N, C-alpha and C. Protein backbone atom coordinates (compact mmCIF):
# COMPACT_ATOMS: atom_id res chain seq x y z
N MET A 1 -16.82 18.95 -6.46
CA MET A 1 -15.17 18.00 -6.11
C MET A 1 -14.30 18.15 -4.80
N LYS A 2 -14.81 18.79 -3.39
CA LYS A 2 -15.34 17.87 -2.79
C LYS A 2 -15.12 16.36 -2.01
N VAL A 3 -16.74 16.20 -2.94
CA VAL A 3 -17.31 14.91 -2.46
C VAL A 3 -15.90 13.20 -3.44
N SER A 4 -16.08 14.20 -4.66
CA SER A 4 -14.55 13.28 -5.53
C SER A 4 -13.51 12.72 -4.53
N ALA A 5 -12.73 13.59 -3.82
CA ALA A 5 -11.23 13.68 -3.26
C ALA A 5 -11.86 13.12 -2.14
N LYS A 6 -13.41 13.12 -1.38
CA LYS A 6 -12.77 12.44 -0.06
C LYS A 6 -13.15 11.04 -0.82
N ILE A 7 -14.04 10.31 -2.47
CA ILE A 7 -14.47 9.40 -2.68
C ILE A 7 -13.23 8.71 -3.38
N LEU A 8 -12.20 9.38 -3.13
CA LEU A 8 -11.10 9.14 -4.15
C LEU A 8 -10.06 8.66 -2.52
N SER A 9 -10.15 9.59 -1.53
CA SER A 9 -9.35 8.55 -0.61
C SER A 9 -9.93 7.27 0.19
N ILE A 10 -11.18 7.21 -0.56
CA ILE A 10 -11.88 5.91 0.21
C ILE A 10 -11.19 5.33 -0.54
N LEU A 11 -11.52 4.90 -1.93
CA LEU A 11 -10.95 3.80 -2.34
C LEU A 11 -9.32 3.72 -2.88
N LEU A 12 -9.09 4.77 -2.03
CA LEU A 12 -7.27 3.93 -2.05
C LEU A 12 -7.07 4.24 -0.43
N TYR A 13 -8.02 4.26 0.35
CA TYR A 13 -7.28 3.93 1.86
C TYR A 13 -5.90 3.01 1.61
N PRO A 14 -5.00 3.60 2.35
CA PRO A 14 -4.02 2.96 2.14
C PRO A 14 -4.13 0.74 2.78
N MET A 15 -5.53 0.62 3.60
CA MET A 15 -5.11 -0.70 4.19
C MET A 15 -5.83 -1.15 2.09
N PHE A 16 -5.90 -1.28 1.64
CA PHE A 16 -6.92 -1.42 0.38
C PHE A 16 -5.71 -1.66 -0.79
N ILE A 17 -5.02 -1.12 -0.60
CA ILE A 17 -3.49 -1.06 -1.44
C ILE A 17 -3.17 -2.32 -2.04
N PRO A 18 -2.52 -3.25 -0.82
CA PRO A 18 -1.96 -4.32 -0.58
C PRO A 18 -2.90 -5.52 -1.93
N THR A 19 -4.00 -5.17 -1.35
CA THR A 19 -5.15 -6.28 -2.50
C THR A 19 -5.06 -5.97 -3.95
N TYR A 20 -5.06 -4.77 -4.08
CA TYR A 20 -4.71 -4.20 -4.96
C TYR A 20 -3.56 -5.14 -6.16
N ALA A 21 -2.43 -4.81 -5.74
CA ALA A 21 -1.60 -5.28 -6.03
C ALA A 21 -1.80 -6.96 -6.34
N MET A 22 -2.02 -7.41 -5.33
CA MET A 22 -2.08 -9.17 -6.01
C MET A 22 -2.53 -8.77 -6.75
N GLY A 23 -4.13 -8.13 -6.65
CA GLY A 23 -5.43 -8.38 -7.97
C GLY A 23 -4.73 -8.52 -9.50
N LEU A 24 -3.90 -7.13 -9.39
CA LEU A 24 -3.69 -6.54 -10.36
C LEU A 24 -1.84 -7.78 -11.06
N LEU A 25 -1.29 -8.57 -10.33
CA LEU A 25 -0.39 -8.86 -10.32
C LEU A 25 -1.08 -10.59 -10.86
N CYS A 26 -2.45 -11.18 -10.66
CA CYS A 26 -2.23 -12.22 -10.93
C CYS A 26 -3.57 -11.46 -11.82
N TRP A 27 -3.51 -10.63 -12.75
CA TRP A 27 -4.21 -10.50 -13.73
C TRP A 27 -3.37 -9.96 -15.08
N ALA A 28 -1.87 -9.84 -14.13
CA ALA A 28 -0.88 -9.73 -15.31
C ALA A 28 -1.03 -11.02 -16.23
N VAL A 29 -0.03 -11.77 -14.68
CA VAL A 29 0.19 -13.20 -15.11
C VAL A 29 -0.82 -13.80 -16.09
N ASN A 30 -1.84 -14.02 -16.01
CA ASN A 30 -2.59 -14.62 -16.80
C ASN A 30 -2.70 -13.78 -18.25
N TRP A 31 -2.23 -12.88 -17.85
CA TRP A 31 -2.54 -11.93 -19.59
C TRP A 31 -1.29 -12.26 -20.01
N MET A 32 -0.16 -12.33 -19.82
CA MET A 32 0.77 -13.16 -20.11
C MET A 32 1.59 -14.59 -20.45
N GLY A 33 0.08 -15.06 -20.17
CA GLY A 33 0.00 -16.88 -20.84
C GLY A 33 0.21 -17.85 -19.86
N LYS A 34 0.02 -17.14 -18.38
CA LYS A 34 0.14 -18.22 -17.67
C LYS A 34 -0.50 -18.02 -16.57
N PRO A 35 -1.68 -18.55 -16.66
CA PRO A 35 -2.99 -18.86 -16.12
C PRO A 35 -2.78 -19.16 -14.56
N LEU A 36 -3.01 -18.64 -13.83
CA LEU A 36 -2.90 -19.22 -11.95
C LEU A 36 -4.64 -19.98 -12.22
N PRO A 37 -4.77 -21.23 -11.24
CA PRO A 37 -5.23 -21.83 -10.64
C PRO A 37 -6.53 -21.01 -10.11
N ALA A 38 -8.12 -21.08 -9.94
CA ALA A 38 -8.36 -20.16 -9.23
C ALA A 38 -8.90 -20.17 -7.77
N PHE A 39 -8.61 -21.56 -7.33
CA PHE A 39 -8.58 -21.53 -6.37
C PHE A 39 -7.29 -20.75 -5.31
N TYR A 40 -6.00 -20.32 -6.11
CA TYR A 40 -4.57 -21.00 -5.74
C TYR A 40 -4.93 -18.26 -6.06
N VAL A 41 -5.55 -18.86 -6.61
CA VAL A 41 -5.59 -17.15 -6.73
C VAL A 41 -6.97 -16.58 -5.59
N THR A 42 -7.41 -16.75 -5.52
CA THR A 42 -8.92 -16.61 -4.62
C THR A 42 -7.95 -17.31 -3.33
N TYR A 43 -7.83 -17.33 -2.88
CA TYR A 43 -6.47 -17.92 -1.73
C TYR A 43 -6.04 -16.58 -1.70
N LEU A 44 -4.94 -16.58 -2.87
CA LEU A 44 -3.88 -15.12 -1.91
C LEU A 44 -4.67 -13.94 -2.15
N ILE A 45 -5.94 -13.59 -2.59
CA ILE A 45 -6.14 -12.36 -2.91
C ILE A 45 -7.03 -12.36 -1.26
N ILE A 46 -8.16 -13.15 -1.05
CA ILE A 46 -8.71 -13.43 0.70
C ILE A 46 -7.37 -13.49 1.21
N GLY A 47 -6.30 -14.02 1.49
CA GLY A 47 -4.94 -13.60 2.84
C GLY A 47 -4.96 -12.42 2.65
N THR A 48 -4.50 -12.08 1.12
CA THR A 48 -4.10 -10.96 1.81
C THR A 48 -4.84 -9.57 1.94
N LEU A 49 -6.38 -9.72 1.94
CA LEU A 49 -7.28 -8.92 2.06
C LEU A 49 -7.33 -8.84 3.78
N CYS A 50 -7.05 -10.58 4.49
CA CYS A 50 -7.95 -10.38 5.58
C CYS A 50 -6.21 -10.01 6.54
N PHE A 51 -5.11 -10.31 5.87
CA PHE A 51 -3.65 -9.52 6.56
C PHE A 51 -3.42 -8.43 6.98
N THR A 52 -3.50 -8.06 5.31
CA THR A 52 -3.21 -6.05 5.19
C THR A 52 -4.71 -4.89 5.17
N CYS A 53 -6.03 -5.79 5.65
CA CYS A 53 -7.20 -4.77 5.46
C CYS A 53 -8.11 -5.01 6.91
N PHE A 54 -7.81 -6.71 6.78
CA PHE A 54 -9.47 -6.49 8.34
C PHE A 54 -9.06 -7.16 8.99
N ILE A 55 -7.81 -8.04 9.90
CA ILE A 55 -7.04 -6.80 10.51
C ILE A 55 -6.54 -5.77 10.84
N PRO A 56 -5.39 -5.17 10.76
CA PRO A 56 -5.73 -3.96 11.06
C PRO A 56 -6.86 -3.03 11.40
N LEU A 57 -7.67 -2.83 10.10
CA LEU A 57 -8.99 -2.41 10.11
C LEU A 57 -9.82 -2.70 11.37
N THR A 58 -9.86 -3.69 10.95
CA THR A 58 -10.46 -4.57 12.93
C THR A 58 -10.35 -3.47 14.86
N ALA A 59 -8.49 -4.01 14.22
CA ALA A 59 -8.07 -2.68 16.10
C ALA A 59 -7.85 -1.53 15.69
N ILE A 60 -8.72 -0.37 14.56
CA ILE A 60 -8.61 0.85 14.48
C ILE A 60 -9.94 0.57 14.71
N LEU A 61 -11.03 -0.26 14.65
CA LEU A 61 -11.90 -0.03 15.74
C LEU A 61 -12.24 0.34 16.63
N ILE A 62 -11.55 -0.58 17.03
CA ILE A 62 -11.23 -1.16 18.15
C ILE A 62 -10.46 -0.23 19.46
N LEU A 63 -9.75 0.57 18.23
CA LEU A 63 -9.51 2.13 18.73
C LEU A 63 -10.16 3.05 19.62
N ARG A 64 -11.33 3.27 17.85
CA ARG A 64 -11.34 4.48 17.54
C ARG A 64 -13.34 4.54 18.58
N GLN A 65 -13.24 2.92 19.25
CA GLN A 65 -14.94 2.19 20.04
C GLN A 65 -13.98 2.85 21.28
N LYS A 66 -12.88 2.75 21.82
CA LYS A 66 -12.22 3.22 23.13
C LYS A 66 -11.75 4.38 22.89
N GLY A 67 -11.59 5.30 22.86
CA GLY A 67 -11.14 6.60 22.44
C GLY A 67 -10.25 6.90 21.86
N ILE A 68 -9.39 6.22 22.06
CA ILE A 68 -8.09 6.15 21.28
C ILE A 68 -7.49 7.01 20.45
N ILE A 69 -8.26 6.96 18.91
CA ILE A 69 -8.96 7.52 17.59
C ILE A 69 -9.62 7.96 18.04
N LYS A 70 -9.57 9.50 16.85
CA LYS A 70 -10.87 10.09 16.19
C LYS A 70 -11.52 9.46 15.40
N ASP A 71 -10.30 8.82 13.89
CA ASP A 71 -11.74 9.28 13.26
C ASP A 71 -10.62 7.36 12.76
N LEU A 72 -11.61 6.84 11.62
CA LEU A 72 -10.80 6.38 10.49
C LEU A 72 -9.41 6.50 9.88
N TYR A 73 -9.33 7.71 9.62
CA TYR A 73 -8.56 8.29 8.39
C TYR A 73 -7.07 9.27 9.58
N ILE A 74 -7.75 9.42 10.85
CA ILE A 74 -6.33 9.06 12.13
C ILE A 74 -6.08 10.92 11.85
N ASN A 75 -5.42 11.49 11.82
CA ASN A 75 -5.75 12.47 10.80
C ASN A 75 -4.85 13.33 11.62
N ASP A 76 -5.25 13.28 13.68
CA ASP A 76 -4.17 13.39 14.23
C ASP A 76 -2.41 13.15 14.57
N ARG A 77 -1.57 13.25 14.08
CA ARG A 77 -0.32 12.52 14.02
C ARG A 77 -0.24 11.47 15.49
N THR A 78 -1.07 12.42 16.85
CA THR A 78 -0.20 12.11 18.06
C THR A 78 -0.81 10.70 18.35
N GLU A 79 -1.76 10.17 17.04
CA GLU A 79 -2.29 9.49 17.55
C GLU A 79 -1.85 8.04 16.76
N ARG A 80 -1.10 8.45 15.59
CA ARG A 80 -1.21 7.70 15.02
C ARG A 80 -0.65 5.80 15.19
N SER A 81 0.44 6.29 15.80
CA SER A 81 1.77 5.03 16.55
C SER A 81 1.34 3.82 16.92
N THR A 82 0.33 3.81 17.85
CA THR A 82 -0.43 2.57 18.17
C THR A 82 -1.41 1.68 16.82
N PRO A 83 -2.12 2.51 15.71
CA PRO A 83 -2.98 2.10 14.55
C PRO A 83 -1.72 1.52 13.65
N TYR A 84 -0.50 1.79 13.90
CA TYR A 84 1.19 1.95 12.46
C TYR A 84 1.31 0.85 12.56
N ILE A 85 1.68 0.50 14.69
CA ILE A 85 2.40 -1.09 14.63
C ILE A 85 1.26 -1.87 14.26
N TYR A 86 0.20 -1.76 15.37
CA TYR A 86 -0.78 -3.11 15.02
C TYR A 86 -0.80 -3.45 12.97
N SER A 87 -1.02 -2.43 12.65
CA SER A 87 -0.78 -2.89 10.80
C SER A 87 0.82 -3.03 10.57
N LEU A 88 2.22 -2.83 11.28
CA LEU A 88 2.94 -3.40 10.30
C LEU A 88 2.80 -4.93 11.41
N LEU A 89 2.77 -5.63 12.41
CA LEU A 89 2.12 -6.96 12.39
C LEU A 89 1.71 -7.11 11.31
N SER A 90 0.54 -7.27 10.98
CA SER A 90 -0.43 -7.26 10.21
C SER A 90 -0.34 -7.54 8.87
N MET A 91 1.15 -6.61 8.48
CA MET A 91 2.07 -6.69 7.62
C MET A 91 3.05 -7.93 7.38
N VAL A 92 3.77 -7.71 8.55
CA VAL A 92 5.23 -8.73 8.52
C VAL A 92 4.02 -10.10 8.94
N ALA A 93 3.13 -10.46 9.45
CA ALA A 93 2.56 -11.82 9.17
C ALA A 93 1.80 -12.14 8.11
N TRP A 94 1.45 -11.03 6.63
CA TRP A 94 0.80 -11.21 6.10
C TRP A 94 2.30 -11.96 4.04
N TRP A 95 3.05 -11.01 5.05
CA TRP A 95 4.55 -11.86 3.53
C TRP A 95 4.32 -12.65 4.66
N LEU A 96 4.62 -14.02 5.49
CA LEU A 96 5.63 -14.78 6.27
C LEU A 96 4.60 -16.00 5.41
N PHE A 97 2.71 -15.33 5.57
CA PHE A 97 2.03 -15.54 4.50
C PHE A 97 2.06 -15.63 3.31
N LEU A 98 3.03 -14.82 2.12
CA LEU A 98 3.21 -14.90 1.48
C LEU A 98 5.01 -15.95 1.08
N CYS A 99 5.57 -15.58 1.55
CA CYS A 99 6.94 -16.86 1.61
C CYS A 99 6.34 -18.11 1.79
N PHE A 100 5.43 -18.55 3.54
CA PHE A 100 5.26 -19.55 3.53
C PHE A 100 4.22 -20.13 2.90
N VAL A 101 3.40 -19.45 3.12
CA VAL A 101 2.29 -20.94 2.38
C VAL A 101 1.79 -20.89 1.04
N VAL A 102 1.80 -19.20 0.39
CA VAL A 102 1.54 -19.16 -1.02
C VAL A 102 2.23 -19.56 -2.14
N LYS A 103 3.37 -18.72 -1.21
CA LYS A 103 4.81 -19.19 -1.84
C LYS A 103 5.34 -18.31 -2.94
N MET A 104 5.39 -17.99 -2.68
CA MET A 104 5.19 -16.52 -3.74
C MET A 104 6.75 -16.57 -4.48
N PRO A 105 7.09 -16.38 -5.15
CA PRO A 105 8.54 -16.08 -6.00
C PRO A 105 9.66 -14.63 -5.40
N THR A 106 10.84 -14.76 -5.05
CA THR A 106 11.34 -14.01 -4.72
C THR A 106 11.46 -12.61 -4.77
N ILE A 107 10.87 -12.05 -6.49
CA ILE A 107 10.88 -10.91 -6.06
C ILE A 107 9.34 -10.20 -5.64
N ILE A 108 8.11 -11.53 -5.36
CA ILE A 108 7.01 -10.10 -4.84
C ILE A 108 7.40 -10.50 -3.53
N LEU A 109 8.43 -11.25 -2.63
CA LEU A 109 7.85 -10.92 -1.55
C LEU A 109 9.36 -9.97 -1.31
N LEU A 110 10.47 -9.39 -2.37
CA LEU A 110 11.43 -8.34 -2.30
C LEU A 110 10.34 -7.01 -2.27
N LEU A 111 9.51 -7.25 -3.12
CA LEU A 111 8.54 -6.09 -2.71
C LEU A 111 7.58 -5.89 -2.07
N ALA A 112 6.40 -6.95 -1.57
CA ALA A 112 5.91 -6.87 0.16
C ALA A 112 6.87 -6.49 0.35
N GLY A 113 8.10 -7.38 0.38
CA GLY A 113 9.26 -6.58 1.86
C GLY A 113 9.46 -4.95 2.45
N GLY A 114 9.81 -4.88 1.11
CA GLY A 114 9.99 -3.27 0.62
C GLY A 114 8.00 -2.50 1.80
N THR A 115 7.30 -2.65 0.93
CA THR A 115 6.00 -3.07 1.39
C THR A 115 6.01 -2.15 3.16
N ILE A 116 6.51 -3.21 3.91
CA ILE A 116 6.26 -3.51 5.43
C ILE A 116 7.57 -2.34 5.49
N VAL A 117 9.01 -1.97 4.87
CA VAL A 117 9.88 -0.83 5.35
C VAL A 117 9.61 0.43 5.20
N THR A 118 8.62 0.51 3.84
CA THR A 118 8.06 1.80 3.32
C THR A 118 6.70 1.97 4.92
N LEU A 119 6.15 0.84 5.63
CA LEU A 119 5.41 1.30 6.51
C LEU A 119 6.48 1.59 7.91
N LEU A 120 7.06 1.29 7.88
CA LEU A 120 8.13 1.15 9.00
C LEU A 120 9.10 2.33 9.16
N ALA A 121 8.94 2.50 8.13
CA ALA A 121 9.43 4.12 7.97
C ALA A 121 8.56 5.17 8.29
N VAL A 122 7.07 4.62 8.12
CA VAL A 122 6.50 6.41 7.90
C VAL A 122 6.03 5.70 9.73
N THR A 123 6.51 4.93 10.36
CA THR A 123 5.87 5.18 11.93
C THR A 123 6.62 6.32 12.47
N LEU A 124 8.28 5.41 11.84
CA LEU A 124 9.02 6.14 12.66
C LEU A 124 9.13 7.77 12.39
N ILE A 125 8.15 8.28 11.31
CA ILE A 125 8.98 9.81 10.80
C ILE A 125 7.78 9.94 11.93
N ASN A 126 6.29 9.24 11.58
CA ASN A 126 5.30 9.96 12.10
C ASN A 126 5.59 10.62 13.85
N LEU A 127 6.84 9.88 13.94
CA LEU A 127 7.48 10.05 15.72
C LEU A 127 7.27 11.88 15.57
N LYS A 128 8.24 12.44 15.30
CA LYS A 128 8.47 13.80 14.61
C LYS A 128 7.29 14.68 13.75
N TRP A 129 6.76 14.11 12.94
CA TRP A 129 6.16 14.70 11.36
C TRP A 129 5.67 14.00 10.79
N LYS A 130 4.00 14.85 10.79
CA LYS A 130 3.70 14.35 10.22
C LYS A 130 3.48 13.81 8.29
N ILE A 131 3.17 12.19 8.14
CA ILE A 131 3.50 12.28 6.50
C ILE A 131 2.24 11.66 5.94
N SER A 132 2.06 11.52 5.17
CA SER A 132 1.13 10.75 4.42
C SER A 132 0.93 9.51 4.27
N ILE A 133 -0.05 8.75 4.80
CA ILE A 133 0.01 6.88 4.37
C ILE A 133 -0.44 6.41 2.90
N HIS A 134 -0.79 7.59 2.97
CA HIS A 134 -2.30 7.14 1.78
C HIS A 134 -0.97 7.33 0.41
N LEU A 135 -0.39 8.10 1.36
CA LEU A 135 0.73 8.37 -0.30
C LEU A 135 1.41 7.37 -0.76
N ALA A 136 3.18 7.42 0.85
CA ALA A 136 3.54 5.89 0.81
C ALA A 136 3.11 5.19 0.79
N CYS A 137 1.45 4.61 0.73
CA CYS A 137 1.34 2.76 0.32
C CYS A 137 0.70 3.34 -0.94
N PHE A 138 0.65 3.83 -1.21
CA PHE A 138 0.32 4.56 -3.22
C PHE A 138 1.57 4.29 -4.03
N GLY A 139 2.42 5.36 -3.77
CA GLY A 139 3.81 5.09 -3.60
C GLY A 139 4.27 3.62 -3.35
N ALA A 140 4.34 3.12 -2.71
CA ALA A 140 4.34 1.27 -2.63
C ALA A 140 4.04 0.58 -3.93
N PHE A 141 2.79 0.95 -4.36
CA PHE A 141 1.82 0.18 -5.22
C PHE A 141 2.84 1.18 -6.42
N ALA A 142 3.00 1.86 -6.92
CA ALA A 142 3.79 2.22 -8.04
C ALA A 142 5.39 1.64 -8.14
N GLY A 143 5.79 1.85 -7.11
CA GLY A 143 6.85 1.12 -7.28
C GLY A 143 7.11 -0.45 -7.31
N ALA A 144 5.37 -0.60 -6.91
CA ALA A 144 6.04 -2.74 -6.80
C ALA A 144 5.97 -2.67 -8.83
N ILE A 145 4.42 -1.66 -9.59
CA ILE A 145 4.28 -2.38 -10.45
C ILE A 145 5.95 -1.97 -11.42
N THR A 146 6.44 -0.99 -10.65
CA THR A 146 7.15 0.19 -11.53
C THR A 146 8.72 -1.26 -11.59
N GLY A 147 8.84 -1.48 -10.47
CA GLY A 147 10.12 -2.91 -9.72
C GLY A 147 9.62 -3.73 -10.45
N TYR A 148 8.49 -4.69 -10.12
CA TYR A 148 8.19 -6.22 -10.92
C TYR A 148 7.88 -5.80 -12.55
N CYS A 149 8.04 -4.69 -13.13
CA CYS A 149 7.89 -4.43 -14.93
C CYS A 149 9.74 -4.57 -15.10
N TYR A 150 10.29 -3.32 -14.18
CA TYR A 150 11.56 -4.15 -14.80
C TYR A 150 11.89 -5.02 -14.83
N TYR A 151 11.79 -6.07 -13.18
CA TYR A 151 12.41 -7.56 -13.65
C TYR A 151 12.26 -8.35 -14.71
N ILE A 152 10.83 -7.74 -15.02
CA ILE A 152 10.23 -9.00 -16.17
C ILE A 152 10.64 -8.69 -17.75
N GLY A 153 11.17 -7.16 -17.55
CA GLY A 153 11.63 -6.92 -19.33
C GLY A 153 10.69 -6.23 -20.13
N PHE A 154 9.67 -5.59 -18.69
CA PHE A 154 8.62 -5.49 -19.99
C PHE A 154 7.82 -3.96 -19.36
N MET A 155 7.32 -2.78 -19.90
CA MET A 155 7.26 -1.74 -19.44
C MET A 155 6.04 -1.22 -20.38
N PRO A 156 4.65 -1.73 -19.58
CA PRO A 156 3.48 -1.21 -20.43
C PRO A 156 2.96 0.48 -20.03
N ILE A 157 3.88 1.24 -21.88
CA ILE A 157 2.99 2.84 -21.19
C ILE A 157 2.42 2.78 -20.33
N TRP A 158 0.95 2.74 -21.08
CA TRP A 158 -0.17 2.91 -20.61
C TRP A 158 -0.10 2.70 -19.08
N THR A 159 -0.12 1.72 -18.52
CA THR A 159 -0.53 1.54 -17.00
C THR A 159 0.54 1.68 -15.79
N ILE A 160 1.69 1.89 -16.66
CA ILE A 160 2.33 3.17 -15.34
C ILE A 160 1.02 4.46 -15.70
N SER A 161 1.36 4.42 -16.56
CA SER A 161 1.49 6.49 -16.73
C SER A 161 -0.30 6.58 -16.29
N SER A 162 -1.20 5.39 -16.18
CA SER A 162 -2.59 5.84 -15.28
C SER A 162 -1.57 5.50 -14.29
N VAL A 163 -1.34 4.52 -13.33
CA VAL A 163 -0.61 5.33 -12.12
C VAL A 163 -0.45 5.96 -11.74
N PHE A 164 0.68 7.24 -12.26
CA PHE A 164 1.64 7.75 -11.80
C PHE A 164 -0.18 9.05 -11.45
N LEU A 165 -0.37 9.11 -12.49
CA LEU A 165 -1.55 10.64 -13.42
C LEU A 165 -2.60 9.96 -11.65
N THR A 166 -2.76 8.59 -11.90
CA THR A 166 -3.53 8.79 -10.10
C THR A 166 -3.35 9.29 -8.40
N ALA A 167 -1.43 8.68 -9.02
CA ALA A 167 -0.56 9.08 -7.57
C ALA A 167 -1.16 11.14 -7.90
N LEU A 168 -1.32 10.99 -9.30
CA LEU A 168 -0.90 12.98 -8.77
C LEU A 168 -2.49 13.80 -8.50
N LEU A 169 -3.28 12.35 -8.81
CA LEU A 169 -4.55 13.32 -8.19
C LEU A 169 -5.28 13.11 -6.97
N LEU A 170 -4.61 11.95 -6.65
CA LEU A 170 -4.65 11.21 -4.93
C LEU A 170 -3.50 12.67 -4.07
N MET A 171 -2.77 13.39 -5.02
CA MET A 171 -1.99 13.82 -3.80
C MET A 171 -3.20 15.72 -3.34
N TYR A 172 -3.62 15.68 -4.93
CA TYR A 172 -4.63 17.08 -5.12
C TYR A 172 -5.71 16.73 -4.14
N SER A 173 -6.57 15.61 -3.82
CA SER A 173 -7.44 14.81 -3.33
C SER A 173 -7.32 15.11 -1.45
N ARG A 174 -6.18 14.88 -1.19
CA ARG A 174 -5.14 15.11 0.28
C ARG A 174 -4.96 16.61 0.50
N LEU A 175 -4.23 16.90 -0.37
CA LEU A 175 -4.26 18.78 -0.16
C LEU A 175 -5.68 19.35 -0.40
N TYR A 176 -6.59 19.34 -1.83
CA TYR A 176 -7.83 20.13 -1.13
C TYR A 176 -9.06 19.69 -0.20
N LEU A 177 -8.99 18.60 0.47
CA LEU A 177 -9.77 18.01 1.84
C LEU A 177 -8.94 18.22 3.15
N GLN A 178 -7.15 18.84 2.63
CA GLN A 178 -6.37 19.84 3.87
C GLN A 178 -6.37 18.79 4.61
N ALA A 179 -6.25 17.48 4.10
CA ALA A 179 -5.53 16.32 5.30
C ALA A 179 -3.85 16.55 5.57
N HIS A 180 -2.90 17.06 4.91
CA HIS A 180 -2.25 16.94 4.67
C HIS A 180 -1.22 18.20 3.36
N THR A 181 -0.48 19.12 3.74
CA THR A 181 0.33 19.49 3.10
C THR A 181 1.09 19.03 1.61
N PRO A 182 1.91 19.91 0.87
CA PRO A 182 2.31 19.85 -0.56
C PRO A 182 3.72 18.65 0.49
N MET A 183 4.58 19.24 0.84
CA MET A 183 4.92 18.30 0.96
C MET A 183 5.35 16.94 2.00
N GLN A 184 3.82 16.81 2.81
CA GLN A 184 3.57 15.83 2.98
C GLN A 184 3.32 14.45 2.52
N VAL A 185 2.20 14.87 1.35
CA VAL A 185 2.32 14.22 0.27
C VAL A 185 3.44 13.97 -0.59
N VAL A 186 4.16 14.79 -1.46
CA VAL A 186 4.73 14.20 -1.93
C VAL A 186 6.54 12.91 -1.28
N SER A 187 6.77 13.14 0.45
CA SER A 187 7.72 13.02 0.43
C SER A 187 7.07 11.35 0.12
N GLY A 188 5.74 11.29 1.44
CA GLY A 188 4.92 10.41 0.60
C GLY A 188 5.28 9.30 -0.08
N PHE A 189 4.90 9.92 -1.48
CA PHE A 189 4.63 9.22 -2.61
C PHE A 189 6.57 8.44 -2.44
N LEU A 190 7.77 9.35 -2.74
CA LEU A 190 8.94 9.10 -2.83
C LEU A 190 8.87 7.63 -2.26
N LEU A 191 8.40 8.60 -0.74
CA LEU A 191 9.11 7.37 0.68
C LEU A 191 8.66 5.39 -0.06
N GLY A 192 7.09 5.79 -0.68
CA GLY A 192 7.46 4.45 -0.69
C GLY A 192 7.82 3.67 -2.09
N LEU A 193 7.57 5.05 -3.39
CA LEU A 193 7.81 4.78 -4.21
C LEU A 193 9.79 3.98 -4.92
N LEU A 194 10.09 4.98 -4.15
CA LEU A 194 11.42 4.50 -3.70
C LEU A 194 12.43 2.69 -2.66
N CYS A 195 10.77 2.76 -1.87
CA CYS A 195 11.42 0.92 -1.19
C CYS A 195 10.75 -0.01 -1.63
N THR A 196 9.79 0.21 -2.54
CA THR A 196 9.82 -1.23 -3.78
C THR A 196 10.65 -0.94 -4.42
N PHE A 197 11.13 -0.04 -5.78
CA PHE A 197 11.20 -0.30 -6.44
C PHE A 197 12.64 -0.04 -6.56
N LEU A 198 13.46 -0.28 -5.00
CA LEU A 198 15.14 0.02 -5.05
C LEU A 198 15.22 -1.44 -5.23
N PRO A 199 14.56 -2.47 -4.34
CA PRO A 199 15.16 -3.39 -4.58
C PRO A 199 15.01 -4.72 -5.78
N ALA A 200 13.68 -4.09 -6.70
CA ALA A 200 13.86 -4.27 -7.79
C ALA A 200 15.13 -4.58 -8.85
N LEU A 201 16.35 -3.75 -8.59
CA LEU A 201 17.39 -2.90 -9.23
C LEU A 201 17.73 -4.08 -8.24
N PHE A 202 18.96 -5.04 -7.63
CA PHE A 202 19.49 -5.87 -6.83
C PHE A 202 18.93 -7.15 -7.34
N ILE A 203 17.73 -7.94 -8.06
CA ILE A 203 17.67 -9.30 -7.62
C ILE A 203 18.02 -9.80 -9.69
């Protein structure tokens, strides 16, 4: 069970979530009969992976090498502020990439902006209280999917149910690994969910 919890925590590592979201978006657009050019999809996925994963992960590895943080999960709350700031700056660069380079539609920019707000809120909350970044990011993923489906007027029940079921499994995994308390995982998920779902209601 511990191995499964660790594997799920790795697969749903916060920095992987934006790339999963963009991959799912491209698949959904193609499924709806509006295929995107292969080069555009490749450019979008690689750009997202670089800005939201490679760059902040490199910063974290450097911080770990210098002894500023102890591990990639950054379990110690007092070590989280600096890596979160690097990640936040990378996320802002990603949003600019989506806006001015690949020229994504407004709804996607709002959802991506909600993810940035989520990370900013987590960074500020972390100054006083530890909150689950795993669940905050996955909550943002769930909120973005639900918000986008609401925006286009189509709710694929099985897909949304699978996302929320995965969220429950991730919560259990983080609790099983004793990385967080129940309040920390639930509040993290709800924070991310609201930050990305609410913007879709106002467009």
